[in-house]
N, C-alpha and C. Protein backbone atom coordinates (compact mmCIF):
# COMPACT_ATOMS: atom_id res chain seq x y z
N MET A 1 -144.06 138.13 37.27
CA MET A 1 -143.95 136.76 36.81
C MET A 1 -143.53 135.82 37.93
N SER A 2 -143.86 136.15 39.18
CA SER A 2 -143.52 135.23 40.27
C SER A 2 -144.65 134.23 40.47
N LYS A 3 -144.31 133.14 41.13
CA LYS A 3 -145.31 132.11 41.40
C LYS A 3 -146.22 132.55 42.53
N ASP A 4 -147.44 132.00 42.55
CA ASP A 4 -148.34 132.25 43.66
C ASP A 4 -147.77 131.60 44.92
N LYS A 5 -148.04 132.22 46.07
CA LYS A 5 -147.52 131.62 47.29
C LYS A 5 -148.33 130.38 47.65
N ASN A 6 -147.71 129.47 48.36
CA ASN A 6 -148.36 128.21 48.71
C ASN A 6 -149.50 128.47 49.68
N PRO A 7 -150.61 127.76 49.53
CA PRO A 7 -151.69 127.90 50.50
C PRO A 7 -151.28 127.30 51.84
N ARG A 8 -151.88 127.80 52.91
CA ARG A 8 -151.55 127.29 54.24
C ARG A 8 -152.07 125.87 54.41
N ARG A 9 -151.31 125.07 55.14
CA ARG A 9 -151.70 123.69 55.38
C ARG A 9 -152.75 123.56 56.46
N VAL A 10 -152.84 124.59 57.31
CA VAL A 10 -153.81 124.57 58.40
C VAL A 10 -154.74 125.78 58.26
N ALA A 11 -155.84 125.76 58.98
CA ALA A 11 -156.81 126.85 58.91
C ALA A 11 -156.25 128.12 59.53
N ASP A 12 -156.99 129.22 59.40
CA ASP A 12 -156.52 130.51 59.92
C ASP A 12 -156.45 130.55 61.44
N ASN A 13 -157.25 129.74 62.11
CA ASN A 13 -157.22 129.75 63.57
C ASN A 13 -156.43 128.57 64.14
N GLU A 14 -155.51 128.01 63.34
CA GLU A 14 -154.72 126.86 63.77
C GLU A 14 -153.23 127.11 63.56
N ALA A 15 -152.44 126.37 64.28
CA ALA A 15 -150.99 126.34 64.08
C ALA A 15 -150.53 124.92 64.37
N MET A 16 -149.38 124.55 63.80
CA MET A 16 -148.91 123.18 64.01
C MET A 16 -147.41 123.13 64.19
N ALA A 17 -146.96 122.03 64.78
CA ALA A 17 -145.54 121.75 64.93
C ALA A 17 -145.34 120.26 64.70
N LYS A 18 -144.17 119.91 64.19
CA LYS A 18 -143.90 118.53 63.84
C LYS A 18 -142.53 118.13 64.37
N LEU A 19 -142.44 116.95 64.96
CA LEU A 19 -141.17 116.39 65.42
C LEU A 19 -140.91 115.11 64.64
N ARG A 20 -139.72 115.00 64.07
CA ARG A 20 -139.37 113.79 63.33
C ARG A 20 -138.23 113.08 64.05
N MET A 21 -138.09 111.81 63.75
CA MET A 21 -136.99 110.98 64.26
C MET A 21 -136.97 110.91 65.79
N LEU A 22 -138.13 110.66 66.38
CA LEU A 22 -138.20 110.42 67.82
C LEU A 22 -137.86 108.95 68.08
N ARG A 23 -136.93 108.71 68.97
CA ARG A 23 -136.43 107.36 69.19
C ARG A 23 -137.33 106.60 70.17
N THR A 24 -138.52 106.29 69.72
CA THR A 24 -139.46 105.45 70.45
C THR A 24 -140.43 104.84 69.47
N SER A 25 -141.12 103.82 69.89
CA SER A 25 -142.07 103.19 68.97
C SER A 25 -143.32 104.05 68.84
N PRO A 26 -143.99 104.00 67.69
CA PRO A 26 -145.21 104.78 67.53
C PRO A 26 -146.30 104.40 68.52
N GLN A 27 -146.33 103.14 68.92
CA GLN A 27 -147.35 102.69 69.86
C GLN A 27 -147.17 103.37 71.22
N LYS A 28 -145.94 103.46 71.70
CA LYS A 28 -145.67 104.11 72.99
C LYS A 28 -145.90 105.62 72.90
N LEU A 29 -145.52 106.21 71.78
CA LEU A 29 -145.71 107.64 71.60
C LEU A 29 -147.19 107.99 71.52
N ASN A 30 -147.99 107.11 70.93
CA ASN A 30 -149.42 107.37 70.80
C ASN A 30 -150.12 107.38 72.16
N LEU A 31 -149.60 106.64 73.13
CA LEU A 31 -150.17 106.67 74.48
C LEU A 31 -150.02 108.07 75.09
N VAL A 32 -148.86 108.68 74.88
CA VAL A 32 -148.63 110.03 75.42
C VAL A 32 -149.42 111.07 74.63
N ALA A 33 -149.47 110.91 73.30
CA ALA A 33 -150.23 111.86 72.48
C ALA A 33 -151.71 111.80 72.82
N GLY A 34 -152.21 110.62 73.16
CA GLY A 34 -153.61 110.48 73.53
C GLY A 34 -153.95 111.19 74.82
N MET A 35 -152.95 111.38 75.69
CA MET A 35 -153.18 112.07 76.96
C MET A 35 -153.55 113.53 76.76
N ILE A 36 -153.07 114.14 75.67
CA ILE A 36 -153.25 115.59 75.51
C ILE A 36 -154.28 115.97 74.47
N ARG A 37 -154.80 115.01 73.69
CA ARG A 37 -155.76 115.34 72.64
C ARG A 37 -157.01 116.00 73.21
N GLY A 38 -157.40 117.13 72.63
CA GLY A 38 -158.65 117.79 73.01
C GLY A 38 -158.58 118.63 74.27
N LYS A 39 -157.43 118.69 74.92
CA LYS A 39 -157.32 119.45 76.16
C LYS A 39 -156.86 120.88 75.88
N LYS A 40 -157.08 121.76 76.85
CA LYS A 40 -156.52 123.11 76.76
C LYS A 40 -155.01 122.98 76.91
N VAL A 41 -154.27 123.90 76.28
CA VAL A 41 -152.81 123.73 76.23
C VAL A 41 -152.17 123.82 77.61
N GLU A 42 -152.69 124.65 78.49
CA GLU A 42 -152.07 124.76 79.82
C GLU A 42 -152.24 123.45 80.61
N LYS A 43 -153.41 122.81 80.47
CA LYS A 43 -153.64 121.52 81.14
C LYS A 43 -152.77 120.43 80.51
N ALA A 44 -152.62 120.47 79.19
CA ALA A 44 -151.79 119.49 78.49
C ALA A 44 -150.33 119.62 78.90
N LEU A 45 -149.83 120.85 79.02
CA LEU A 45 -148.45 121.07 79.45
C LEU A 45 -148.23 120.55 80.87
N THR A 46 -149.21 120.77 81.75
CA THR A 46 -149.10 120.27 83.13
C THR A 46 -149.07 118.75 83.14
N ASP A 47 -149.94 118.11 82.35
CA ASP A 47 -149.96 116.65 82.31
C ASP A 47 -148.64 116.08 81.80
N LEU A 48 -148.07 116.72 80.79
CA LEU A 48 -146.80 116.23 80.24
C LEU A 48 -145.64 116.46 81.21
N THR A 49 -145.69 117.55 81.96
CA THR A 49 -144.62 117.84 82.92
C THR A 49 -144.54 116.76 83.99
N PHE A 50 -145.70 116.29 84.45
CA PHE A 50 -145.71 115.33 85.55
C PHE A 50 -145.93 113.89 85.10
N SER A 51 -145.79 113.62 83.82
CA SER A 51 -145.94 112.26 83.32
C SER A 51 -144.66 111.46 83.59
N ASN A 52 -144.82 110.17 83.85
CA ASN A 52 -143.67 109.31 84.11
C ASN A 52 -143.06 108.74 82.84
N LYS A 53 -143.68 108.97 81.68
CA LYS A 53 -143.16 108.42 80.43
C LYS A 53 -141.92 109.20 79.99
N ARG A 54 -140.92 108.48 79.48
CA ARG A 54 -139.67 109.12 79.05
C ARG A 54 -139.89 110.08 77.89
N ILE A 55 -140.77 109.72 76.97
CA ILE A 55 -140.95 110.50 75.75
C ILE A 55 -141.80 111.74 75.98
N ALA A 56 -142.41 111.88 77.16
CA ALA A 56 -143.29 113.01 77.45
C ALA A 56 -142.54 114.34 77.37
N ALA A 57 -141.25 114.35 77.67
CA ALA A 57 -140.47 115.60 77.59
C ALA A 57 -140.37 116.08 76.14
N ASP A 58 -140.18 115.15 75.20
CA ASP A 58 -140.11 115.53 73.78
C ASP A 58 -141.47 115.98 73.26
N VAL A 59 -142.54 115.34 73.73
CA VAL A 59 -143.88 115.74 73.31
C VAL A 59 -144.18 117.15 73.85
N LYS A 60 -143.71 117.43 75.06
CA LYS A 60 -143.91 118.76 75.65
C LYS A 60 -143.19 119.82 74.82
N LYS A 61 -141.97 119.51 74.37
CA LYS A 61 -141.22 120.44 73.52
C LYS A 61 -141.97 120.74 72.22
N CYS A 62 -142.55 119.71 71.62
CA CYS A 62 -143.30 119.89 70.38
C CYS A 62 -144.54 120.74 70.62
N LEU A 63 -145.23 120.51 71.74
CA LEU A 63 -146.41 121.30 72.07
C LEU A 63 -146.04 122.76 72.32
N GLN A 64 -144.93 123.00 73.00
CA GLN A 64 -144.48 124.38 73.22
C GLN A 64 -144.12 125.05 71.91
N SER A 65 -143.57 124.30 70.97
CA SER A 65 -143.26 124.84 69.65
C SER A 65 -144.53 125.22 68.90
N ALA A 66 -145.57 124.37 69.00
CA ALA A 66 -146.83 124.68 68.34
C ALA A 66 -147.47 125.92 68.95
N ILE A 67 -147.37 126.08 70.27
CA ILE A 67 -147.91 127.26 70.94
C ILE A 67 -147.17 128.51 70.49
N ALA A 68 -145.84 128.41 70.40
CA ALA A 68 -145.04 129.55 69.96
C ALA A 68 -145.35 129.91 68.51
N ASN A 69 -145.56 128.91 67.65
CA ASN A 69 -145.95 129.17 66.26
C ASN A 69 -147.28 129.90 66.20
N ALA A 70 -148.22 129.47 67.04
CA ALA A 70 -149.54 130.10 67.06
C ALA A 70 -149.45 131.56 67.49
N GLU A 71 -148.62 131.81 68.47
CA GLU A 71 -148.51 133.17 69.01
C GLU A 71 -147.73 134.09 68.07
N ASN A 72 -146.59 133.64 67.59
CA ASN A 72 -145.70 134.51 66.83
C ASN A 72 -146.01 134.58 65.34
N ASN A 73 -146.38 133.44 64.74
CA ASN A 73 -146.58 133.42 63.30
C ASN A 73 -148.02 133.72 62.89
N HIS A 74 -148.99 133.37 63.75
CA HIS A 74 -150.39 133.47 63.36
C HIS A 74 -151.20 134.40 64.25
N ASN A 75 -150.56 135.04 65.22
CA ASN A 75 -151.20 136.02 66.11
C ASN A 75 -152.45 135.46 66.80
N LEU A 76 -152.35 134.27 67.33
CA LEU A 76 -153.46 133.65 68.06
C LEU A 76 -153.27 133.88 69.55
N ASP A 77 -154.38 133.88 70.29
CA ASP A 77 -154.34 134.10 71.73
C ASP A 77 -154.01 132.78 72.43
N VAL A 78 -152.94 132.76 73.22
CA VAL A 78 -152.46 131.52 73.84
C VAL A 78 -153.47 130.98 74.86
N ASP A 79 -154.20 131.86 75.54
CA ASP A 79 -155.14 131.43 76.58
C ASP A 79 -156.35 130.69 76.01
N GLU A 80 -156.61 130.83 74.72
CA GLU A 80 -157.78 130.20 74.11
C GLU A 80 -157.42 129.01 73.23
N LEU A 81 -156.20 128.50 73.35
CA LEU A 81 -155.76 127.39 72.50
C LEU A 81 -156.11 126.04 73.10
N ILE A 82 -156.52 125.12 72.24
CA ILE A 82 -156.68 123.72 72.63
C ILE A 82 -155.85 122.86 71.69
N VAL A 83 -155.53 121.65 72.13
CA VAL A 83 -154.82 120.70 71.27
C VAL A 83 -155.87 120.05 70.38
N ALA A 84 -155.96 120.51 69.14
CA ALA A 84 -156.98 120.01 68.22
C ALA A 84 -156.64 118.59 67.76
N GLU A 85 -155.39 118.37 67.36
CA GLU A 85 -154.96 117.06 66.87
C GLU A 85 -153.57 116.78 67.38
N ALA A 86 -153.32 115.53 67.69
CA ALA A 86 -151.98 115.06 68.02
C ALA A 86 -151.90 113.66 67.44
N TYR A 87 -151.19 113.51 66.34
CA TYR A 87 -151.13 112.18 65.73
C TYR A 87 -149.70 111.75 65.47
N VAL A 88 -149.54 110.44 65.38
CA VAL A 88 -148.23 109.80 65.37
C VAL A 88 -148.07 109.04 64.07
N GLY A 89 -146.86 109.05 63.53
CA GLY A 89 -146.55 108.29 62.33
C GLY A 89 -145.29 107.48 62.51
N LYS A 90 -145.13 106.47 61.64
CA LYS A 90 -143.92 105.65 61.68
C LYS A 90 -142.79 106.36 60.94
N ASN A 91 -141.58 106.06 61.32
CA ASN A 91 -140.40 106.55 60.62
C ASN A 91 -139.51 105.33 60.38
N LEU A 92 -138.24 105.53 60.19
CA LEU A 92 -137.39 104.40 59.87
C LEU A 92 -137.21 103.46 61.05
N THR A 93 -136.68 102.29 60.77
CA THR A 93 -136.42 101.29 61.80
C THR A 93 -134.98 100.81 61.66
N MET A 94 -134.21 100.94 62.75
CA MET A 94 -132.86 100.42 62.74
C MET A 94 -132.92 98.93 63.05
N LYS A 95 -132.22 98.14 62.27
CA LYS A 95 -132.18 96.71 62.51
C LYS A 95 -130.84 96.35 63.14
N ARG A 96 -130.91 95.76 64.30
CA ARG A 96 -129.72 95.30 65.01
C ARG A 96 -129.92 93.83 65.33
N GLY A 97 -128.89 93.20 65.82
CA GLY A 97 -129.03 91.79 66.14
C GLY A 97 -128.07 91.36 67.22
N ARG A 98 -128.29 90.14 67.67
CA ARG A 98 -127.48 89.59 68.73
C ARG A 98 -127.31 88.09 68.48
N PRO A 99 -126.10 87.60 68.55
CA PRO A 99 -125.91 86.17 68.34
C PRO A 99 -126.58 85.36 69.45
N ARG A 100 -127.22 84.28 69.06
CA ARG A 100 -127.90 83.42 70.03
C ARG A 100 -127.30 82.02 69.95
N ALA A 101 -127.85 81.14 70.70
CA ALA A 101 -127.32 79.77 70.77
C ALA A 101 -127.53 79.03 69.45
N ARG A 102 -126.68 78.04 69.19
CA ARG A 102 -126.77 77.13 68.04
C ARG A 102 -126.75 77.88 66.72
N GLY A 103 -125.95 78.96 66.64
CA GLY A 103 -125.74 79.66 65.39
C GLY A 103 -126.90 80.52 64.94
N ARG A 104 -127.85 80.78 65.80
CA ARG A 104 -128.99 81.60 65.42
C ARG A 104 -128.69 83.06 65.68
N PHE A 105 -129.62 83.89 65.27
CA PHE A 105 -129.42 85.33 65.34
C PHE A 105 -130.70 85.96 65.87
N GLY A 106 -130.62 86.66 67.00
CA GLY A 106 -131.80 87.32 67.57
C GLY A 106 -131.96 88.71 66.98
N LYS A 107 -133.10 88.96 66.37
CA LYS A 107 -133.33 90.24 65.71
C LYS A 107 -133.75 91.28 66.75
N ILE A 108 -133.12 92.46 66.71
CA ILE A 108 -133.49 93.58 67.57
C ILE A 108 -133.90 94.73 66.66
N ILE A 109 -135.12 95.21 66.83
CA ILE A 109 -135.66 96.27 65.99
C ILE A 109 -135.78 97.53 66.82
N LYS A 110 -135.18 98.62 66.36
CA LYS A 110 -135.21 99.89 67.08
C LYS A 110 -136.00 100.90 66.25
N PRO A 111 -137.28 101.08 66.55
CA PRO A 111 -138.12 101.95 65.72
C PRO A 111 -137.99 103.42 66.06
N PHE A 112 -138.24 104.25 65.06
CA PHE A 112 -138.35 105.69 65.21
C PHE A 112 -139.76 106.10 64.82
N SER A 113 -140.21 107.25 65.31
CA SER A 113 -141.55 107.71 64.97
C SER A 113 -141.54 109.22 64.82
N GLU A 114 -142.66 109.77 64.36
CA GLU A 114 -142.79 111.22 64.23
C GLU A 114 -144.12 111.65 64.81
N LEU A 115 -144.16 112.90 65.26
CA LEU A 115 -145.33 113.43 65.97
C LEU A 115 -145.73 114.76 65.35
N THR A 116 -147.03 114.95 65.13
CA THR A 116 -147.57 116.21 64.63
C THR A 116 -148.63 116.69 65.61
N ILE A 117 -148.49 117.94 66.04
CA ILE A 117 -149.45 118.53 66.97
C ILE A 117 -150.03 119.77 66.33
N LYS A 118 -151.38 119.86 66.30
CA LYS A 118 -152.07 121.05 65.82
C LYS A 118 -152.83 121.66 66.98
N VAL A 119 -152.66 122.97 67.15
CA VAL A 119 -153.43 123.68 68.18
C VAL A 119 -154.41 124.61 67.48
N ARG A 120 -155.57 124.79 68.09
CA ARG A 120 -156.64 125.60 67.50
C ARG A 120 -157.14 126.58 68.53
N GLN A 121 -157.45 127.79 68.07
CA GLN A 121 -158.01 128.82 68.95
C GLN A 121 -159.52 128.68 68.95
N VAL A 122 -160.09 128.57 70.15
CA VAL A 122 -161.54 128.52 70.29
C VAL A 122 -161.95 129.60 71.28
N GLU A 123 -163.06 130.26 70.98
CA GLU A 123 -163.54 131.30 71.88
C GLU A 123 -164.23 130.65 73.07
N GLU A 124 -163.97 131.18 74.24
CA GLU A 124 -164.56 130.61 75.45
C GLU A 124 -166.02 131.01 75.56
N GLN A 125 -166.85 130.03 75.98
CA GLN A 125 -168.27 130.32 76.16
C GLN A 125 -168.50 130.98 77.52
N ALA A 126 -169.37 131.98 77.56
CA ALA A 126 -169.64 132.68 78.81
C ALA A 126 -170.78 132.05 79.57
């Protein structure tokens, strides 16, 4: 009388990792995510390692987590993985402010975002 197990959210040849509450705007994070979309994971890791963007280190951590999930949880071959999807979403926004001249108030918005990376195993063509 147990419940059926939940179906997988990704296909059998895919694995994913998700990072929430990244302290950067989704627009800036999407620039870094766009750098790695569709690339082989080893090339994507190299690009993130040598990127000048501050958030690239967090994106690299998420990609390494997705690779580890693929290897350990789904028994996929790491050498044949590509970054199938890397997409960005909005999260909460902290509202701060600063007093300005003549009794006004300058609004400061500090956005958070989230990142989802899916890696897929593809067979290499000979």
